[in-house]
Amino acid sequence: MSTTNSVETTGIKIDFSKVEGNLVPGIVQDAKTGQVLMVGFLNETSYQKTLETGFVTFWSRTRQKLWMKGETSGNRLRILSAATDCDNDTLLFKVEVEGDGLVCHEGTVSCFTKSIALPVSQESR
């Protein structure tokens, strides 16, 4: 592990120092449909594991351990491409979901299924 809270891969340094616990958000998107499937957090170790295996591996903040998404359900996230944002502190993984394709622990394809009703502002009427 680096003592500077960053990992350099192919010339890009990921900055793990901005979030408490040295974490970066990892957005997971279906490469075929473009649908955002989930968001998790990675530390330096889970990021390295992700790069080594080709499957998204997160750091569980609640369990305080590494977890490869789908390791028990079979719905692993095979990385087809990866990118970082302009600040190098957020990752985007475009993936192919293995198994039955249900990424969320609630049995849905995406974790983003709960609509929020937004108030209509006076200015937009």
N, C-alpha and C. Protein backbone atom coordinates (compact mmCIF):
# COMPACT_ATOMS: atom_id res chain seq x y z
N MET A 1 0.82 -1.18 0.00
CA MET A 1 0.00 0.00 0.00
C MET A 1 0.87 1.25 0.00
N SER A 2 0.39 2.25 -0.66
CA SER A 2 1.11 3.51 -0.76
C SER A 2 0.93 4.33 0.50
N THR A 3 1.95 5.05 0.89
CA THR A 3 1.82 5.90 2.07
C THR A 3 1.23 7.27 1.72
N THR A 4 1.02 7.53 0.44
CA THR A 4 0.45 8.81 0.02
C THR A 4 -1.04 8.74 -0.24
N ASN A 5 -1.68 7.62 0.09
CA ASN A 5 -3.11 7.43 -0.11
C ASN A 5 -3.53 7.58 -1.56
N SER A 6 -2.69 7.09 -2.46
CA SER A 6 -3.06 7.07 -3.87
C SER A 6 -2.44 5.84 -4.51
N VAL A 7 -3.08 5.37 -5.55
CA VAL A 7 -2.57 4.22 -6.29
C VAL A 7 -2.45 4.66 -7.74
N GLU A 8 -1.29 4.38 -8.33
CA GLU A 8 -1.08 4.77 -9.72
C GLU A 8 -1.17 3.54 -10.62
N THR A 9 -1.99 3.64 -11.63
CA THR A 9 -2.15 2.57 -12.60
C THR A 9 -2.23 3.21 -13.98
N THR A 10 -1.49 2.71 -14.88
CA THR A 10 -1.44 3.24 -16.25
C THR A 10 -1.34 4.77 -16.26
N GLY A 11 -0.53 5.30 -15.37
CA GLY A 11 -0.29 6.74 -15.35
C GLY A 11 -1.34 7.57 -14.64
N ILE A 12 -2.38 6.95 -14.10
CA ILE A 12 -3.43 7.69 -13.40
C ILE A 12 -3.34 7.37 -11.91
N LYS A 13 -3.24 8.42 -11.09
CA LYS A 13 -3.18 8.27 -9.65
C LYS A 13 -4.57 8.47 -9.06
N ILE A 14 -5.09 7.44 -8.42
CA ILE A 14 -6.39 7.55 -7.76
C ILE A 14 -6.14 8.15 -6.37
N ASP A 15 -6.89 9.19 -6.04
CA ASP A 15 -6.71 9.91 -4.78
C ASP A 15 -7.68 9.38 -3.73
N PHE A 16 -7.16 8.59 -2.81
CA PHE A 16 -7.98 7.99 -1.75
C PHE A 16 -8.05 8.87 -0.50
N SER A 17 -7.42 10.02 -0.51
CA SER A 17 -7.29 10.81 0.72
C SER A 17 -8.46 11.75 1.03
N LYS A 18 -9.39 11.93 0.10
CA LYS A 18 -10.43 12.95 0.29
C LYS A 18 -11.58 12.52 1.19
N VAL A 19 -11.83 11.22 1.29
CA VAL A 19 -12.94 10.72 2.11
C VAL A 19 -12.37 10.01 3.32
N GLU A 20 -13.00 10.23 4.46
CA GLU A 20 -12.54 9.58 5.69
C GLU A 20 -12.47 8.07 5.48
N GLY A 21 -11.40 7.47 5.93
CA GLY A 21 -11.20 6.04 5.73
C GLY A 21 -10.45 5.72 4.46
N ASN A 22 -10.01 6.76 3.75
CA ASN A 22 -9.25 6.59 2.50
C ASN A 22 -10.04 5.75 1.49
N LEU A 23 -11.24 6.22 1.19
CA LEU A 23 -12.14 5.54 0.26
C LEU A 23 -12.47 6.41 -0.93
N VAL A 24 -12.82 5.75 -2.04
CA VAL A 24 -13.37 6.46 -3.20
C VAL A 24 -14.67 5.77 -3.59
N PRO A 25 -15.66 6.54 -4.05
CA PRO A 25 -16.89 5.92 -4.54
C PRO A 25 -16.61 5.19 -5.85
N GLY A 26 -17.27 4.06 -6.03
CA GLY A 26 -17.20 3.30 -7.26
C GLY A 26 -18.60 3.14 -7.83
N ILE A 27 -18.85 3.78 -8.95
CA ILE A 27 -20.14 3.70 -9.62
C ILE A 27 -20.11 2.53 -10.58
N VAL A 28 -21.13 1.69 -10.53
CA VAL A 28 -21.20 0.52 -11.41
C VAL A 28 -22.34 0.72 -12.39
N GLN A 29 -22.00 0.62 -13.68
CA GLN A 29 -22.95 0.87 -14.76
C GLN A 29 -22.96 -0.34 -15.69
N ASP A 30 -24.15 -0.73 -16.12
CA ASP A 30 -24.27 -1.81 -17.09
C ASP A 30 -23.71 -1.32 -18.43
N ALA A 31 -22.71 -2.00 -18.94
CA ALA A 31 -22.05 -1.56 -20.18
C ALA A 31 -22.99 -1.60 -21.37
N LYS A 32 -23.94 -2.52 -21.38
CA LYS A 32 -24.84 -2.67 -22.52
C LYS A 32 -25.99 -1.66 -22.49
N THR A 33 -26.62 -1.48 -21.32
CA THR A 33 -27.82 -0.63 -21.23
C THR A 33 -27.53 0.79 -20.77
N GLY A 34 -26.41 0.99 -20.08
CA GLY A 34 -26.09 2.29 -19.53
C GLY A 34 -26.73 2.54 -18.17
N GLN A 35 -27.53 1.59 -17.69
CA GLN A 35 -28.21 1.75 -16.39
C GLN A 35 -27.19 1.73 -15.25
N VAL A 36 -27.33 2.68 -14.31
CA VAL A 36 -26.50 2.66 -13.11
C VAL A 36 -27.04 1.58 -12.20
N LEU A 37 -26.19 0.65 -11.81
CA LEU A 37 -26.61 -0.50 -11.03
C LEU A 37 -26.43 -0.32 -9.54
N MET A 38 -25.32 0.28 -9.16
CA MET A 38 -25.04 0.45 -7.73
C MET A 38 -23.85 1.38 -7.54
N VAL A 39 -23.64 1.76 -6.29
CA VAL A 39 -22.47 2.52 -5.88
C VAL A 39 -21.91 1.85 -4.64
N GLY A 40 -20.61 1.69 -4.60
CA GLY A 40 -19.93 1.15 -3.43
C GLY A 40 -18.67 1.95 -3.21
N PHE A 41 -17.89 1.56 -2.21
CA PHE A 41 -16.66 2.26 -1.90
C PHE A 41 -15.47 1.32 -2.02
N LEU A 42 -14.36 1.87 -2.48
CA LEU A 42 -13.13 1.11 -2.62
C LEU A 42 -12.03 1.80 -1.85
N ASN A 43 -11.19 1.00 -1.20
CA ASN A 43 -9.95 1.52 -0.64
C ASN A 43 -8.81 1.05 -1.54
N GLU A 44 -7.60 1.33 -1.17
CA GLU A 44 -6.47 0.97 -2.03
C GLU A 44 -6.40 -0.54 -2.27
N THR A 45 -6.65 -1.32 -1.24
CA THR A 45 -6.57 -2.77 -1.36
C THR A 45 -7.66 -3.32 -2.26
N SER A 46 -8.89 -2.86 -2.08
CA SER A 46 -9.98 -3.37 -2.93
C SER A 46 -9.80 -2.91 -4.38
N TYR A 47 -9.24 -1.73 -4.57
CA TYR A 47 -8.97 -1.25 -5.93
C TYR A 47 -7.94 -2.15 -6.61
N GLN A 48 -6.87 -2.47 -5.91
CA GLN A 48 -5.84 -3.35 -6.47
C GLN A 48 -6.42 -4.73 -6.78
N LYS A 49 -7.26 -5.25 -5.88
CA LYS A 49 -7.91 -6.55 -6.09
C LYS A 49 -8.82 -6.49 -7.32
N THR A 50 -9.53 -5.39 -7.48
CA THR A 50 -10.40 -5.19 -8.64
C THR A 50 -9.59 -5.25 -9.92
N LEU A 51 -8.45 -4.56 -9.94
CA LEU A 51 -7.60 -4.55 -11.13
C LEU A 51 -7.01 -5.93 -11.42
N GLU A 52 -6.63 -6.63 -10.36
CA GLU A 52 -6.01 -7.96 -10.51
C GLU A 52 -7.00 -9.01 -11.02
N THR A 53 -8.24 -8.97 -10.52
CA THR A 53 -9.21 -10.03 -10.84
C THR A 53 -10.10 -9.71 -12.03
N GLY A 54 -10.30 -8.42 -12.32
CA GLY A 54 -11.23 -8.04 -13.37
C GLY A 54 -12.68 -8.02 -12.92
N PHE A 55 -12.91 -8.19 -11.63
CA PHE A 55 -14.24 -8.12 -11.04
C PHE A 55 -14.24 -7.05 -9.95
N VAL A 56 -15.33 -6.29 -9.85
CA VAL A 56 -15.38 -5.20 -8.88
C VAL A 56 -15.36 -5.77 -7.46
N THR A 57 -14.41 -5.29 -6.67
CA THR A 57 -14.28 -5.66 -5.27
C THR A 57 -14.34 -4.38 -4.45
N PHE A 58 -15.24 -4.35 -3.48
CA PHE A 58 -15.44 -3.16 -2.66
C PHE A 58 -14.85 -3.35 -1.27
N TRP A 59 -14.83 -2.24 -0.53
CA TRP A 59 -14.53 -2.27 0.89
C TRP A 59 -15.85 -2.05 1.61
N SER A 60 -16.26 -3.01 2.43
CA SER A 60 -17.49 -2.90 3.18
C SER A 60 -17.24 -2.03 4.41
N ARG A 61 -17.91 -0.89 4.45
CA ARG A 61 -17.75 0.01 5.59
C ARG A 61 -18.39 -0.55 6.85
N THR A 62 -19.46 -1.32 6.70
CA THR A 62 -20.14 -1.86 7.88
C THR A 62 -19.42 -3.09 8.42
N ARG A 63 -18.94 -3.96 7.54
CA ARG A 63 -18.26 -5.18 7.99
C ARG A 63 -16.75 -5.00 8.12
N GLN A 64 -16.24 -3.87 7.61
CA GLN A 64 -14.80 -3.58 7.66
C GLN A 64 -13.98 -4.70 7.03
N LYS A 65 -14.39 -5.09 5.80
CA LYS A 65 -13.63 -6.11 5.09
C LYS A 65 -13.89 -5.99 3.59
N LEU A 66 -13.02 -6.63 2.81
CA LEU A 66 -13.20 -6.68 1.36
C LEU A 66 -14.39 -7.56 1.02
N TRP A 67 -15.11 -7.19 -0.04
CA TRP A 67 -16.15 -8.08 -0.57
C TRP A 67 -16.27 -7.91 -2.06
N MET A 68 -16.21 -9.03 -2.75
CA MET A 68 -16.41 -9.02 -4.19
C MET A 68 -17.91 -9.14 -4.42
N LYS A 69 -18.48 -8.15 -5.08
CA LYS A 69 -19.91 -8.18 -5.35
C LYS A 69 -20.24 -9.45 -6.12
N GLY A 70 -21.20 -10.21 -5.61
CA GLY A 70 -21.63 -11.43 -6.27
C GLY A 70 -20.88 -12.68 -5.86
N GLU A 71 -19.99 -12.58 -4.89
CA GLU A 71 -19.21 -13.76 -4.51
C GLU A 71 -20.09 -14.87 -3.94
N THR A 72 -21.23 -14.54 -3.35
CA THR A 72 -22.14 -15.58 -2.86
C THR A 72 -23.35 -15.77 -3.78
N SER A 73 -23.83 -14.69 -4.40
CA SER A 73 -25.02 -14.77 -5.25
C SER A 73 -24.72 -15.24 -6.67
N GLY A 74 -23.46 -15.10 -7.09
CA GLY A 74 -23.10 -15.44 -8.46
C GLY A 74 -23.26 -14.27 -9.42
N ASN A 75 -23.77 -13.15 -8.94
CA ASN A 75 -23.97 -11.97 -9.79
C ASN A 75 -22.74 -11.06 -9.76
N ARG A 76 -21.62 -11.63 -10.16
CA ARG A 76 -20.37 -10.87 -10.14
C ARG A 76 -20.38 -9.80 -11.23
N LEU A 77 -19.58 -8.78 -11.01
CA LEU A 77 -19.51 -7.63 -11.90
C LEU A 77 -18.20 -7.69 -12.69
N ARG A 78 -18.26 -8.23 -13.91
CA ARG A 78 -17.07 -8.35 -14.76
C ARG A 78 -16.83 -7.01 -15.43
N ILE A 79 -15.66 -6.44 -15.21
CA ILE A 79 -15.34 -5.10 -15.72
C ILE A 79 -15.01 -5.16 -17.20
N LEU A 80 -15.71 -4.33 -17.98
CA LEU A 80 -15.40 -4.19 -19.40
C LEU A 80 -14.58 -2.93 -19.65
N SER A 81 -14.81 -1.90 -18.83
CA SER A 81 -13.98 -0.70 -18.89
C SER A 81 -14.06 0.03 -17.56
N ALA A 82 -13.06 0.86 -17.32
CA ALA A 82 -13.00 1.62 -16.07
C ALA A 82 -12.48 3.02 -16.39
N ALA A 83 -12.98 3.99 -15.63
CA ALA A 83 -12.55 5.38 -15.80
C ALA A 83 -12.59 6.07 -14.44
N THR A 84 -11.93 7.20 -14.38
CA THR A 84 -11.99 8.02 -13.18
C THR A 84 -12.48 9.40 -13.59
N ASP A 85 -12.94 10.14 -12.61
CA ASP A 85 -13.42 11.50 -12.89
C ASP A 85 -12.23 12.45 -12.99
N CYS A 86 -12.52 13.72 -13.22
CA CYS A 86 -11.46 14.72 -13.43
C CYS A 86 -10.59 14.95 -12.20
N ASP A 87 -11.09 14.64 -11.01
CA ASP A 87 -10.31 14.81 -9.78
C ASP A 87 -9.63 13.52 -9.33
N ASN A 88 -9.82 12.45 -10.07
CA ASN A 88 -9.25 11.14 -9.74
C ASN A 88 -9.67 10.64 -8.36
N ASP A 89 -10.92 10.97 -7.95
CA ASP A 89 -11.39 10.51 -6.64
C ASP A 89 -12.74 9.80 -6.70
N THR A 90 -13.16 9.42 -7.89
CA THR A 90 -14.36 8.62 -8.09
C THR A 90 -14.11 7.72 -9.29
N LEU A 91 -14.56 6.46 -9.17
CA LEU A 91 -14.35 5.49 -10.24
C LEU A 91 -15.67 5.12 -10.89
N LEU A 92 -15.62 4.85 -12.19
CA LEU A 92 -16.78 4.38 -12.95
C LEU A 92 -16.39 3.06 -13.61
N PHE A 93 -17.14 2.01 -13.26
CA PHE A 93 -16.91 0.70 -13.85
C PHE A 93 -18.08 0.36 -14.75
N LYS A 94 -17.80 0.11 -16.03
CA LYS A 94 -18.82 -0.39 -16.93
C LYS A 94 -18.64 -1.91 -16.94
N VAL A 95 -19.73 -2.61 -16.62
CA VAL A 95 -19.62 -4.03 -16.35
C VAL A 95 -20.62 -4.86 -17.13
N GLU A 96 -20.33 -6.15 -17.15
CA GLU A 96 -21.27 -7.17 -17.57
C GLU A 96 -21.57 -7.97 -16.31
N VAL A 97 -22.86 -8.09 -15.98
CA VAL A 97 -23.24 -8.80 -14.76
C VAL A 97 -23.36 -10.29 -15.07
N GLU A 98 -22.68 -11.09 -14.30
CA GLU A 98 -22.80 -12.54 -14.43
C GLU A 98 -24.00 -13.02 -13.62
N GLY A 99 -24.39 -14.25 -13.81
CA GLY A 99 -25.49 -14.82 -13.05
C GLY A 99 -26.83 -14.37 -13.60
N ASP A 100 -27.81 -14.19 -12.70
CA ASP A 100 -29.15 -13.81 -13.15
C ASP A 100 -29.32 -12.31 -13.34
N GLY A 101 -28.26 -11.55 -13.08
CA GLY A 101 -28.28 -10.11 -13.35
C GLY A 101 -28.91 -9.25 -12.29
N LEU A 102 -29.27 -9.84 -11.16
CA LEU A 102 -29.89 -9.07 -10.08
C LEU A 102 -28.80 -8.58 -9.14
N VAL A 103 -28.40 -7.34 -9.34
CA VAL A 103 -27.27 -6.78 -8.60
C VAL A 103 -27.63 -6.41 -7.17
N CYS A 104 -28.81 -5.86 -6.96
CA CYS A 104 -29.20 -5.38 -5.64
C CYS A 104 -29.54 -6.55 -4.70
N HIS A 105 -29.18 -6.37 -3.44
CA HIS A 105 -29.50 -7.40 -2.44
C HIS A 105 -31.01 -7.54 -2.22
N GLU A 106 -31.79 -6.58 -2.72
CA GLU A 106 -33.25 -6.66 -2.61
C GLU A 106 -33.86 -7.42 -3.79
N GLY A 107 -33.02 -7.99 -4.66
CA GLY A 107 -33.50 -8.82 -5.76
C GLY A 107 -33.88 -8.07 -7.02
N THR A 108 -33.34 -6.87 -7.21
CA THR A 108 -33.61 -6.09 -8.41
C THR A 108 -32.32 -5.92 -9.21
N VAL A 109 -32.48 -5.55 -10.48
CA VAL A 109 -31.32 -5.36 -11.35
C VAL A 109 -30.45 -4.22 -10.84
N SER A 110 -31.08 -3.13 -10.42
CA SER A 110 -30.37 -1.95 -9.95
C SER A 110 -30.75 -1.65 -8.51
N CYS A 111 -29.84 -1.04 -7.78
CA CYS A 111 -30.15 -0.58 -6.42
C CYS A 111 -30.99 0.70 -6.45
N PHE A 112 -31.06 1.35 -7.60
CA PHE A 112 -31.77 2.63 -7.72
C PHE A 112 -33.19 2.42 -8.22
N THR A 113 -34.07 2.03 -7.30
CA THR A 113 -35.45 1.72 -7.66
C THR A 113 -36.48 2.56 -6.91
N LYS A 114 -36.05 3.37 -5.98
CA LYS A 114 -36.99 4.11 -5.13
C LYS A 114 -37.05 5.57 -5.58
N SER A 115 -38.13 5.89 -6.28
CA SER A 115 -38.31 7.26 -6.79
C SER A 115 -38.58 8.23 -5.65
N ILE A 116 -38.03 9.41 -5.79
CA ILE A 116 -38.25 10.48 -4.82
C ILE A 116 -39.10 11.54 -5.50
N ALA A 117 -40.22 11.86 -4.89
CA ALA A 117 -41.08 12.90 -5.43
C ALA A 117 -40.43 14.25 -5.18
N LEU A 118 -40.25 15.01 -6.24
CA LEU A 118 -39.62 16.33 -6.12
C LEU A 118 -40.70 17.40 -6.14
N PRO A 119 -40.57 18.37 -5.24
CA PRO A 119 -41.56 19.46 -5.25
C PRO A 119 -41.39 20.32 -6.50
N VAL A 120 -42.49 20.78 -7.02
CA VAL A 120 -42.44 21.66 -8.19
C VAL A 120 -42.21 23.06 -7.69
N SER A 121 -41.14 23.68 -8.15
CA SER A 121 -40.85 25.05 -7.70
C SER A 121 -41.71 26.05 -8.49
N GLN A 122 -41.94 27.19 -7.92
CA GLN A 122 -42.73 28.24 -8.56
C GLN A 122 -42.05 28.71 -9.86
N GLU A 123 -40.73 28.68 -9.87
CA GLU A 123 -39.99 29.18 -11.04
C GLU A 123 -40.15 28.27 -12.26
N SER A 124 -40.41 26.97 -12.04
CA SER A 124 -40.47 26.06 -13.17
C SER A 124 -41.89 25.94 -13.75
N ARG A 125 -42.84 26.61 -13.16
CA ARG A 125 -44.22 26.53 -13.67
C ARG A 125 -44.45 27.44 -14.83
